[in-house]
Amino acid sequence: MDKFVKEKIFIIVVSIPFLCYVVLHFSHALPSSLITDTITAKAKVFQDFSPQGFGFYSKPPTEKGITFESEHLQLPTAIPENFIGLSRFGRAQAIELGKIYEEIPKDYWLSCETEKECTLLENKLKPYVVKKNDEIHHLVEGEYLIKSQEPISWYFRDYKETTSFEREIAKVVVE
């Protein structure tokens, strides 16, 4: 075989698996249909070994920031307890707390505008009690603090004091 034919064969051998990987990896972004559902089911293996996604590019900048605090959490995921990011236990805890966050009634939330005020309110919070079940099994029994805060505009220096913010806090107890 001449050199030109060998190069074409090499390009084909390399590009076909790469194109299959790209199609299967990004198939979850397609609208749902019978064909895409079949592809997505087969693509799960590829997605398990791929990067976590592009949340940085697709997350709206005006979305509330949510933080969780507890001695029981294994966050961030890059700590040694999570095998420097290989264990997904910490991520599972955050997902479960996110589910709990969605169901907390309004009367369990208290608002504050400074760190000092928020710290004082933490002791006055009425805890929202959650029982462990099939959907909540990575969270250790104990107390969790959830903080939800509107992002401060990048243009804040002309309209708002830098020491104030709008934050809501709630306490969750997992039993």
N, C-alpha and C. Protein backbone atom coordinates (compact mmCIF):
# COMPACT_ATOMS: atom_id res chain seq x y z
N MET A 1 0.84 -1.18 0.00
CA MET A 1 0.00 0.00 0.00
C MET A 1 0.89 1.24 0.00
N ASP A 2 0.37 2.23 -0.67
CA ASP A 2 1.16 3.45 -0.67
C ASP A 2 0.83 4.30 0.55
N LYS A 3 1.62 5.31 0.75
CA LYS A 3 1.52 6.17 1.94
C LYS A 3 0.17 6.87 2.04
N PHE A 4 -0.38 7.30 0.93
CA PHE A 4 -1.65 8.02 0.90
C PHE A 4 -2.80 7.14 1.41
N VAL A 5 -2.84 5.89 1.00
CA VAL A 5 -3.89 4.96 1.41
C VAL A 5 -3.76 4.66 2.91
N LYS A 6 -2.55 4.48 3.40
CA LYS A 6 -2.32 4.23 4.82
C LYS A 6 -2.80 5.41 5.67
N GLU A 7 -2.55 6.62 5.22
CA GLU A 7 -3.01 7.81 5.96
C GLU A 7 -4.53 7.88 6.00
N LYS A 8 -5.18 7.57 4.88
CA LYS A 8 -6.65 7.59 4.85
C LYS A 8 -7.23 6.54 5.80
N ILE A 9 -6.65 5.36 5.81
CA ILE A 9 -7.12 4.30 6.69
C ILE A 9 -6.92 4.71 8.15
N PHE A 10 -5.79 5.28 8.46
CA PHE A 10 -5.53 5.75 9.82
C PHE A 10 -6.54 6.81 10.24
N ILE A 11 -6.81 7.76 9.38
CA ILE A 11 -7.78 8.83 9.69
C ILE A 11 -9.16 8.24 9.93
N ILE A 12 -9.56 7.30 9.13
CA ILE A 12 -10.88 6.66 9.29
C ILE A 12 -10.94 5.87 10.59
N VAL A 13 -9.90 5.10 10.88
CA VAL A 13 -9.86 4.28 12.09
C VAL A 13 -9.91 5.15 13.34
N VAL A 14 -9.29 6.30 13.32
CA VAL A 14 -9.28 7.19 14.48
C VAL A 14 -10.56 8.01 14.57
N SER A 15 -11.07 8.50 13.45
CA SER A 15 -12.20 9.42 13.50
C SER A 15 -13.54 8.74 13.77
N ILE A 16 -13.74 7.53 13.31
CA ILE A 16 -15.04 6.86 13.53
C ILE A 16 -15.30 6.63 15.02
N PRO A 17 -14.38 6.05 15.79
CA PRO A 17 -14.66 5.91 17.24
C PRO A 17 -14.83 7.28 17.93
N PHE A 18 -14.04 8.25 17.51
CA PHE A 18 -14.16 9.58 18.11
C PHE A 18 -15.55 10.18 17.83
N LEU A 19 -16.03 10.10 16.61
CA LEU A 19 -17.35 10.63 16.27
C LEU A 19 -18.45 9.87 17.02
N CYS A 20 -18.31 8.56 17.13
CA CYS A 20 -19.30 7.78 17.90
C CYS A 20 -19.33 8.23 19.35
N TYR A 21 -18.15 8.43 19.92
CA TYR A 21 -18.07 8.90 21.30
C TYR A 21 -18.76 10.26 21.45
N VAL A 22 -18.48 11.20 20.57
CA VAL A 22 -19.07 12.54 20.65
C VAL A 22 -20.59 12.46 20.53
N VAL A 23 -21.09 11.68 19.58
CA VAL A 23 -22.55 11.56 19.40
C VAL A 23 -23.18 10.93 20.63
N LEU A 24 -22.61 9.86 21.15
CA LEU A 24 -23.18 9.21 22.32
C LEU A 24 -23.06 10.06 23.57
N HIS A 25 -21.96 10.79 23.71
CA HIS A 25 -21.78 11.62 24.90
C HIS A 25 -22.77 12.78 24.95
N PHE A 26 -23.00 13.43 23.84
CA PHE A 26 -23.87 14.61 23.83
C PHE A 26 -25.32 14.29 23.46
N SER A 27 -25.67 13.01 23.36
CA SER A 27 -27.03 12.64 22.98
C SER A 27 -28.05 13.02 24.05
N HIS A 28 -27.62 13.18 25.30
CA HIS A 28 -28.56 13.55 26.36
C HIS A 28 -29.06 14.98 26.20
N ALA A 29 -28.39 15.78 25.38
CA ALA A 29 -28.80 17.17 25.17
C ALA A 29 -29.87 17.29 24.09
N LEU A 30 -30.13 16.23 23.36
CA LEU A 30 -31.13 16.27 22.29
C LEU A 30 -32.53 16.19 22.87
N PRO A 31 -33.53 16.74 22.14
CA PRO A 31 -34.92 16.60 22.60
C PRO A 31 -35.32 15.12 22.65
N SER A 32 -36.23 14.81 23.54
CA SER A 32 -36.62 13.42 23.75
C SER A 32 -37.45 12.89 22.58
N SER A 33 -37.08 11.73 22.09
CA SER A 33 -37.84 11.01 21.08
C SER A 33 -37.46 9.54 21.21
N LEU A 34 -38.11 8.69 20.45
CA LEU A 34 -37.82 7.25 20.52
C LEU A 34 -36.37 6.98 20.12
N ILE A 35 -35.90 7.66 19.10
CA ILE A 35 -34.52 7.43 18.63
C ILE A 35 -33.51 7.94 19.66
N THR A 36 -33.70 9.18 20.12
CA THR A 36 -32.73 9.73 21.07
C THR A 36 -32.78 9.02 22.41
N ASP A 37 -33.94 8.53 22.82
CA ASP A 37 -34.02 7.77 24.07
C ASP A 37 -33.22 6.47 23.97
N THR A 38 -33.26 5.84 22.80
CA THR A 38 -32.49 4.62 22.58
C THR A 38 -30.99 4.93 22.61
N ILE A 39 -30.60 6.00 21.93
CA ILE A 39 -29.18 6.40 21.91
C ILE A 39 -28.72 6.76 23.32
N THR A 40 -29.55 7.53 24.05
CA THR A 40 -29.18 7.97 25.40
C THR A 40 -29.00 6.78 26.33
N ALA A 41 -29.84 5.77 26.20
CA ALA A 41 -29.71 4.58 27.05
C ALA A 41 -28.37 3.89 26.80
N LYS A 42 -27.95 3.83 25.54
CA LYS A 42 -26.67 3.22 25.21
C LYS A 42 -25.50 4.12 25.59
N ALA A 43 -25.74 5.43 25.61
CA ALA A 43 -24.67 6.40 25.87
C ALA A 43 -24.32 6.51 27.35
N LYS A 44 -25.11 5.94 28.23
CA LYS A 44 -24.87 6.08 29.65
C LYS A 44 -23.45 5.64 30.03
N VAL A 45 -22.96 4.60 29.41
CA VAL A 45 -21.60 4.12 29.70
C VAL A 45 -20.58 5.20 29.36
N PHE A 46 -20.76 5.87 28.22
CA PHE A 46 -19.83 6.92 27.81
C PHE A 46 -19.92 8.12 28.75
N GLN A 47 -21.13 8.45 29.18
CA GLN A 47 -21.31 9.61 30.05
C GLN A 47 -20.73 9.36 31.45
N ASP A 48 -20.72 8.12 31.88
CA ASP A 48 -20.15 7.80 33.19
C ASP A 48 -18.64 8.06 33.23
N PHE A 49 -17.99 7.94 32.10
CA PHE A 49 -16.54 8.14 32.05
C PHE A 49 -16.16 9.50 31.46
N SER A 50 -17.11 10.39 31.35
CA SER A 50 -16.87 11.70 30.73
C SER A 50 -16.91 12.79 31.78
N PRO A 51 -16.46 13.99 31.42
CA PRO A 51 -16.54 15.12 32.37
C PRO A 51 -17.98 15.36 32.81
N GLN A 52 -18.14 16.03 33.92
CA GLN A 52 -19.45 16.19 34.53
C GLN A 52 -20.40 17.09 33.76
N GLY A 53 -19.95 17.85 32.83
CA GLY A 53 -20.84 18.70 32.05
C GLY A 53 -20.32 20.12 32.01
N PHE A 54 -21.13 20.96 31.49
CA PHE A 54 -20.72 22.33 31.26
C PHE A 54 -21.62 23.29 32.02
N GLY A 55 -21.80 23.08 33.33
CA GLY A 55 -22.64 23.93 34.16
C GLY A 55 -22.16 25.36 34.19
N PHE A 56 -20.85 25.56 34.09
CA PHE A 56 -20.29 26.90 34.11
C PHE A 56 -20.84 27.73 32.95
N TYR A 57 -21.03 27.09 31.81
CA TYR A 57 -21.49 27.81 30.63
C TYR A 57 -23.01 27.90 30.55
N SER A 58 -23.71 26.98 31.19
CA SER A 58 -25.16 26.93 31.02
C SER A 58 -25.95 27.43 32.23
N LYS A 59 -25.29 27.70 33.33
CA LYS A 59 -25.99 28.17 34.53
C LYS A 59 -26.27 29.66 34.42
N PRO A 60 -27.53 30.08 34.64
CA PRO A 60 -27.83 31.51 34.58
C PRO A 60 -27.11 32.28 35.69
N PRO A 61 -26.53 33.42 35.36
CA PRO A 61 -25.78 34.17 36.38
C PRO A 61 -26.66 34.80 37.44
N THR A 62 -27.97 34.88 37.22
CA THR A 62 -28.88 35.48 38.19
C THR A 62 -29.50 34.44 39.12
N GLU A 63 -29.16 33.17 38.95
CA GLU A 63 -29.71 32.10 39.78
C GLU A 63 -29.19 32.22 41.21
N LYS A 64 -30.05 31.90 42.18
CA LYS A 64 -29.64 31.95 43.59
C LYS A 64 -28.49 31.00 43.85
N GLY A 65 -27.58 31.46 44.68
CA GLY A 65 -26.49 30.60 45.12
C GLY A 65 -26.91 29.88 46.39
N ILE A 66 -26.72 28.58 46.44
CA ILE A 66 -27.12 27.79 47.59
C ILE A 66 -25.88 27.14 48.19
N THR A 67 -25.70 27.31 49.50
CA THR A 67 -24.58 26.67 50.19
C THR A 67 -25.11 25.82 51.34
N PHE A 68 -24.39 24.76 51.63
CA PHE A 68 -24.75 23.85 52.71
C PHE A 68 -23.62 23.82 53.70
N GLU A 69 -23.96 23.81 55.00
CA GLU A 69 -22.94 23.74 56.04
C GLU A 69 -23.33 22.67 57.05
N SER A 70 -22.36 21.82 57.36
CA SER A 70 -22.56 20.80 58.38
C SER A 70 -21.23 20.08 58.59
N GLU A 71 -21.04 19.57 59.79
CA GLU A 71 -19.84 18.78 60.06
C GLU A 71 -19.94 17.41 59.39
N HIS A 72 -21.14 17.03 58.93
CA HIS A 72 -21.36 15.71 58.35
C HIS A 72 -21.13 15.67 56.84
N LEU A 73 -20.97 16.83 56.21
CA LEU A 73 -20.83 16.87 54.76
C LEU A 73 -19.40 16.57 54.33
N GLN A 74 -19.28 15.86 53.24
CA GLN A 74 -17.97 15.59 52.66
C GLN A 74 -17.79 16.47 51.43
N LEU A 75 -17.84 17.77 51.66
CA LEU A 75 -17.65 18.75 50.58
C LEU A 75 -16.45 19.60 50.93
N PRO A 76 -15.69 20.07 50.01
CA PRO A 76 -15.79 19.86 48.56
C PRO A 76 -15.36 18.45 48.18
N THR A 77 -15.62 18.08 46.96
CA THR A 77 -15.34 16.71 46.54
C THR A 77 -13.86 16.42 46.40
N ALA A 78 -13.01 17.44 46.39
CA ALA A 78 -11.57 17.23 46.22
C ALA A 78 -10.83 16.97 47.53
N ILE A 79 -11.55 16.76 48.62
CA ILE A 79 -10.88 16.48 49.89
C ILE A 79 -10.46 15.00 49.93
N PRO A 80 -9.47 14.65 50.75
CA PRO A 80 -9.00 13.26 50.79
C PRO A 80 -10.09 12.25 51.12
N GLU A 81 -11.08 12.63 51.93
CA GLU A 81 -12.16 11.69 52.27
C GLU A 81 -12.95 11.26 51.04
N ASN A 82 -12.95 12.07 49.99
CA ASN A 82 -13.63 11.73 48.74
C ASN A 82 -12.65 11.25 47.68
N PHE A 83 -11.49 10.76 48.12
CA PHE A 83 -10.47 10.23 47.21
C PHE A 83 -10.12 11.24 46.12
N ILE A 84 -9.94 12.50 46.53
CA ILE A 84 -9.55 13.60 45.65
C ILE A 84 -10.50 13.70 44.45
N GLY A 85 -11.78 13.53 44.69
CA GLY A 85 -12.78 13.73 43.64
C GLY A 85 -13.26 12.46 42.98
N LEU A 86 -12.64 11.32 43.24
CA LEU A 86 -13.07 10.08 42.59
C LEU A 86 -14.35 9.52 43.20
N SER A 87 -14.55 9.71 44.50
CA SER A 87 -15.77 9.26 45.15
C SER A 87 -16.86 10.29 44.92
N ARG A 88 -18.04 9.85 44.64
CA ARG A 88 -19.15 10.77 44.39
C ARG A 88 -20.06 10.90 45.61
N PHE A 89 -19.58 10.45 46.76
CA PHE A 89 -20.39 10.49 47.97
C PHE A 89 -20.77 11.92 48.34
N GLY A 90 -19.81 12.84 48.29
CA GLY A 90 -20.08 14.24 48.60
C GLY A 90 -21.07 14.87 47.63
N ARG A 91 -20.95 14.51 46.35
CA ARG A 91 -21.90 15.02 45.35
C ARG A 91 -23.29 14.49 45.63
N ALA A 92 -23.38 13.24 46.02
CA ALA A 92 -24.68 12.65 46.33
C ALA A 92 -25.32 13.36 47.52
N GLN A 93 -24.50 13.72 48.51
CA GLN A 93 -25.03 14.46 49.66
C GLN A 93 -25.60 15.81 49.21
N ALA A 94 -24.88 16.51 48.35
CA ALA A 94 -25.35 17.82 47.87
C ALA A 94 -26.64 17.68 47.07
N ILE A 95 -26.75 16.63 46.29
CA ILE A 95 -27.98 16.41 45.51
C ILE A 95 -29.16 16.14 46.45
N GLU A 96 -28.93 15.32 47.46
CA GLU A 96 -30.00 15.04 48.42
C GLU A 96 -30.40 16.30 49.18
N LEU A 97 -29.44 17.13 49.57
CA LEU A 97 -29.77 18.40 50.23
C LEU A 97 -30.51 19.33 49.28
N GLY A 98 -30.18 19.28 48.01
CA GLY A 98 -30.91 20.07 47.02
C GLY A 98 -32.37 19.66 46.93
N LYS A 99 -32.63 18.36 47.01
CA LYS A 99 -34.02 17.88 47.01
C LYS A 99 -34.75 18.37 48.26
N ILE A 100 -34.06 18.32 49.39
CA ILE A 100 -34.66 18.81 50.63
C ILE A 100 -34.92 20.31 50.54
N TYR A 101 -33.97 21.04 49.98
CA TYR A 101 -34.09 22.49 49.80
C TYR A 101 -35.39 22.84 49.07
N GLU A 102 -35.71 22.08 48.05
CA GLU A 102 -36.91 22.34 47.25
C GLU A 102 -38.21 22.15 48.03
N GLU A 103 -38.19 21.33 49.06
CA GLU A 103 -39.44 21.04 49.79
C GLU A 103 -39.58 21.77 51.12
N ILE A 104 -38.60 22.58 51.50
CA ILE A 104 -38.70 23.31 52.77
C ILE A 104 -39.76 24.40 52.65
N PRO A 105 -40.77 24.40 53.53
CA PRO A 105 -41.82 25.43 53.49
C PRO A 105 -41.26 26.83 53.81
N LYS A 106 -41.96 27.84 53.33
CA LYS A 106 -41.53 29.24 53.50
C LYS A 106 -41.36 29.64 54.97
N ASP A 107 -42.19 29.10 55.86
CA ASP A 107 -42.12 29.54 57.26
C ASP A 107 -40.89 29.01 58.01
N TYR A 108 -40.09 28.15 57.37
CA TYR A 108 -38.86 27.67 57.99
C TYR A 108 -37.65 28.54 57.62
N TRP A 109 -37.84 29.47 56.70
CA TRP A 109 -36.75 30.33 56.24
C TRP A 109 -36.75 31.65 57.00
N LEU A 110 -35.57 32.14 57.36
CA LEU A 110 -35.41 33.46 57.95
C LEU A 110 -34.47 34.27 57.07
N SER A 111 -34.74 35.57 56.94
CA SER A 111 -33.92 36.44 56.10
C SER A 111 -32.94 37.24 56.94
N CYS A 112 -31.78 37.53 56.36
CA CYS A 112 -30.78 38.36 57.01
C CYS A 112 -30.00 39.12 55.95
N GLU A 113 -29.32 40.20 56.40
CA GLU A 113 -28.60 41.04 55.45
C GLU A 113 -27.12 41.22 55.76
N THR A 114 -26.65 40.73 56.91
CA THR A 114 -25.23 40.80 57.24
C THR A 114 -24.79 39.48 57.84
N GLU A 115 -23.49 39.23 57.83
CA GLU A 115 -22.97 37.98 58.41
C GLU A 115 -23.29 37.88 59.89
N LYS A 116 -23.17 38.98 60.60
CA LYS A 116 -23.45 38.99 62.04
C LYS A 116 -24.92 38.64 62.31
N GLU A 117 -25.81 39.26 61.54
CA GLU A 117 -27.24 38.99 61.70
C GLU A 117 -27.56 37.53 61.37
N CYS A 118 -26.95 37.00 60.33
CA CYS A 118 -27.18 35.60 59.96
C CYS A 118 -26.69 34.64 61.04
N THR A 119 -25.53 34.94 61.62
CA THR A 119 -24.99 34.10 62.69
C THR A 119 -25.91 34.09 63.91
N LEU A 120 -26.48 35.25 64.26
CA LEU A 120 -27.41 35.31 65.39
C LEU A 120 -28.69 34.54 65.09
N LEU A 121 -29.16 34.59 63.84
CA LEU A 121 -30.41 33.90 63.48
C LEU A 121 -30.25 32.38 63.44
N GLU A 122 -29.04 31.90 63.21
CA GLU A 122 -28.83 30.45 63.11
C GLU A 122 -29.31 29.71 64.35
N ASN A 123 -29.16 30.32 65.53
CA ASN A 123 -29.60 29.69 66.77
C ASN A 123 -31.10 29.77 66.96
N LYS A 124 -31.78 30.70 66.29
CA LYS A 124 -33.22 30.88 66.45
C LYS A 124 -34.03 30.11 65.42
N LEU A 125 -33.38 29.44 64.50
CA LEU A 125 -34.08 28.74 63.43
C LEU A 125 -34.87 27.55 63.94
N LYS A 126 -36.09 27.42 63.46
CA LYS A 126 -36.90 26.24 63.74
C LYS A 126 -36.47 25.16 62.73
N PRO A 127 -35.99 24.00 63.20
CA PRO A 127 -35.47 23.00 62.26
C PRO A 127 -36.57 22.29 61.47
N TYR A 128 -36.30 22.09 60.21
CA TYR A 128 -37.16 21.30 59.34
C TYR A 128 -36.68 19.85 59.43
N VAL A 129 -37.53 18.96 59.90
CA VAL A 129 -37.13 17.57 60.16
C VAL A 129 -37.43 16.70 58.94
N VAL A 130 -36.43 15.91 58.55
CA VAL A 130 -36.55 15.01 57.40
C VAL A 130 -36.17 13.62 57.86
N LYS A 131 -36.98 12.65 57.53
CA LYS A 131 -36.68 11.25 57.86
C LYS A 131 -35.90 10.63 56.70
N LYS A 132 -34.89 9.82 57.03
CA LYS A 132 -34.14 9.12 55.99
C LYS A 132 -35.06 8.14 55.29
N ASN A 133 -34.93 8.06 53.96
CA ASN A 133 -35.72 7.13 53.16
C ASN A 133 -34.90 6.67 51.97
N ASP A 134 -35.56 6.12 50.95
CA ASP A 134 -34.83 5.62 49.78
C ASP A 134 -34.14 6.74 49.01
N GLU A 135 -34.73 7.93 49.01
CA GLU A 135 -34.14 9.05 48.28
C GLU A 135 -33.05 9.77 49.07
N ILE A 136 -33.07 9.61 50.38
CA ILE A 136 -32.09 10.27 51.24
C ILE A 136 -31.36 9.21 52.05
N HIS A 137 -30.25 8.72 51.50
CA HIS A 137 -29.50 7.71 52.23
C HIS A 137 -28.01 8.03 52.31
N HIS A 138 -27.53 9.11 51.68
CA HIS A 138 -26.13 9.50 51.81
C HIS A 138 -25.92 10.52 52.94
N LEU A 139 -26.98 11.16 53.36
CA LEU A 139 -26.85 12.15 54.43
C LEU A 139 -26.81 11.46 55.78
N VAL A 140 -25.86 11.84 56.59
CA VAL A 140 -25.72 11.30 57.94
C VAL A 140 -26.77 11.99 58.82
N GLU A 141 -27.28 11.29 59.80
CA GLU A 141 -28.23 11.91 60.72
C GLU A 141 -27.56 13.06 61.43
N GLY A 142 -28.23 14.19 61.46
CA GLY A 142 -27.66 15.37 62.09
C GLY A 142 -28.27 16.65 61.56
N GLU A 143 -27.59 17.74 61.86
CA GLU A 143 -28.10 19.08 61.55
C GLU A 143 -27.35 19.67 60.35
N TYR A 144 -28.10 20.29 59.45
CA TYR A 144 -27.54 20.91 58.26
C TYR A 144 -28.10 22.32 58.14
N LEU A 145 -27.25 23.25 57.74
CA LEU A 145 -27.65 24.63 57.55
C LEU A 145 -27.63 24.93 56.06
N ILE A 146 -28.74 25.45 55.55
CA ILE A 146 -28.84 25.79 54.13
C ILE A 146 -28.96 27.30 54.00
N LYS A 147 -28.12 27.87 53.15
CA LYS A 147 -28.15 29.31 52.90
C LYS A 147 -28.43 29.54 51.42
N SER A 148 -29.38 30.42 51.16
CA SER A 148 -29.75 30.77 49.80
C SER A 148 -29.57 32.27 49.63
N GLN A 149 -28.81 32.66 48.61
CA GLN A 149 -28.50 34.08 48.47
C GLN A 149 -28.59 34.51 47.01
N GLU A 150 -29.26 35.63 46.78
CA GLU A 150 -29.30 36.24 45.46
C GLU A 150 -27.90 36.75 45.13
N PRO A 151 -27.44 36.58 43.90
CA PRO A 151 -26.11 37.10 43.58
C PRO A 151 -26.09 38.62 43.60
N ILE A 152 -24.99 39.18 44.05
CA ILE A 152 -24.83 40.62 44.05
C ILE A 152 -24.31 41.01 42.66
N SER A 153 -24.94 41.98 42.07
CA SER A 153 -24.58 42.41 40.73
C SER A 153 -23.12 42.85 40.67
N TRP A 154 -22.49 42.64 39.55
CA TRP A 154 -21.12 43.08 39.37
C TRP A 154 -21.04 44.60 39.45
N TYR A 155 -22.16 45.23 39.32
CA TYR A 155 -22.22 46.69 39.34
C TYR A 155 -22.63 47.20 40.72
N PHE A 156 -22.46 46.33 41.75
CA PHE A 156 -22.97 46.61 43.09
C PHE A 156 -22.38 47.85 43.72
N ARG A 157 -21.16 48.19 43.40
CA ARG A 157 -20.49 49.27 44.12
C ARG A 157 -21.19 50.62 43.99
N ASP A 158 -22.00 50.79 42.94
CA ASP A 158 -22.71 52.06 42.76
C ASP A 158 -24.11 52.06 43.38
N TYR A 159 -24.63 50.87 43.72
CA TYR A 159 -26.01 50.79 44.18
C TYR A 159 -26.20 50.19 45.56
N LYS A 160 -25.21 49.52 46.09
CA LYS A 160 -25.39 48.76 47.32
C LYS A 160 -24.14 48.81 48.16
N GLU A 161 -24.30 48.79 49.46
CA GLU A 161 -23.13 48.67 50.33
C GLU A 161 -22.54 47.27 50.17
N THR A 162 -21.25 47.19 50.21
CA THR A 162 -20.61 45.88 50.00
C THR A 162 -20.78 44.94 51.19
N THR A 163 -21.17 45.45 52.34
CA THR A 163 -21.30 44.60 53.52
C THR A 163 -22.69 43.99 53.65
N SER A 164 -23.62 44.38 52.83
CA SER A 164 -24.98 43.85 52.96
C SER A 164 -25.32 42.95 51.77
N PHE A 165 -26.23 42.04 52.02
CA PHE A 165 -26.69 41.11 50.99
C PHE A 165 -28.07 40.63 51.39
N GLU A 166 -28.72 39.92 50.51
CA GLU A 166 -30.04 39.35 50.81
C GLU A 166 -29.87 37.84 50.88
N ARG A 167 -29.99 37.30 52.07
CA ARG A 167 -29.78 35.87 52.27
C ARG A 167 -30.93 35.29 53.08
N GLU A 168 -31.29 34.06 52.75
CA GLU A 168 -32.26 33.30 53.53
C GLU A 168 -31.54 32.07 54.08
N ILE A 169 -31.85 31.74 55.32
CA ILE A 169 -31.22 30.56 55.93
C ILE A 169 -32.29 29.66 56.53
N ALA A 170 -32.00 28.37 56.48
CA ALA A 170 -32.92 27.37 57.06
C ALA A 170 -32.07 26.25 57.66
N LYS A 171 -32.63 25.63 58.69
CA LYS A 171 -31.95 24.51 59.35
C LYS A 171 -32.73 23.24 59.08
N VAL A 172 -31.99 22.20 58.72
CA VAL A 172 -32.60 20.90 58.42
C VAL A 172 -32.00 19.88 59.38
N VAL A 173 -32.85 19.03 59.95
CA VAL A 173 -32.39 17.95 60.80
C VAL A 173 -32.80 16.64 60.13
N VAL A 174 -31.81 15.80 59.84
CA VAL A 174 -32.07 14.50 59.24
C VAL A 174 -32.09 13.46 60.36
N GLU A 175 -33.18 12.71 60.42
CA GLU A 175 -33.33 11.67 61.45
C GLU A 175 -33.36 10.29 60.83
